[in-house]
Amino acid sequence: MLLTVDIGNSNIVIGGMDQRNIVFISRIETNAGRTADQYAVELLQITTLYNIPRNQFSGAILSSVVPALTDVLFRAIVHFIGKEPLVVGPGLKTGLDIRIGNPSQLGSDIVANAVAAITLYPAPLIFVDMGTATTISAVGKDKDFLGCSILPGIRISADALTGHAAQLQSVALESPAGIIGTNTVDAIKSGVVYGTASTLDGMFARMSEAMPAPPKSIILTGGNARFIQKHLKIKVIYDPNLLLTGLSILYEKNAIEVK
């Protein structure tokens, strides 16, 4: 079994993969104050919860957009399974032709999502990861990564709105009764949910026009995607596990180099 760990700004996603099939997924809060030993204990507790002995893991792969925690989780994984994880970064075999100004600046989460997308779905394509930030990325027909657009995530936008307006209260991320809110809570939900959906529909149209060839696939993933999917006018594929699948594929491509 493969241990996959993705360090995001808000959450760390931990998964067990068996031949690209997900055995378990767990999420814990990203906390830069924890030590490697503390994270190793959490890995042990999580796998114990799913009745998986740590000797079941034959390898591991780690992606991170939080540099301060990359080495911490690296050491935690070594302590947990006794093997060094593969780390997503420059020099890794991806199968992508990354056509941006500085390929080393491309986030490891975007790389993993892109690798899964080109493996599973017809290109050219657009994929959207809705997490702390919302990233909209374009891949050409020859598996060339063309670039992306980065927007504030849904939660960031909602918190910014309610945090800077004294009479507006924080709301849950859920669909309102209708697009025309008849009370403050539903009005905020309408703006957050339908506003985000409308933004994505518009960005899909604009990005499609800018690509060398129109996309054959549009994939939606990320922790907040489920709130928006059904409100989109453009047809999308919802794949909540795109990133973990991408990590599994990356491991397959590079496993020979793992120590």
Foldseek 3Di string as FASTA:
>chain_A
DEWEWEADPFWIWIFDDDPLDTPDIDIDGDDLPDALCVVLVVVVVVCVVSVHQLCVHPAYEYFYPDVSCPVRPQSNNCVNNVFGHHYQFPPFDQQEAEPDPDVRPDGSLVSLLLSLDVVPHQDQEWEWAAEQKIKIWTAHRSRYTDDIDIGGHLVVVQCVVPVVDPPADREDQAAAPDLDDPDRRNVSNNCSALVVQVVVLVVLVVVLVVYPHGTPAYEYEYDSRVSHQVNHPDDHHYDHCSNVSSRVVSCVRCVVVTD
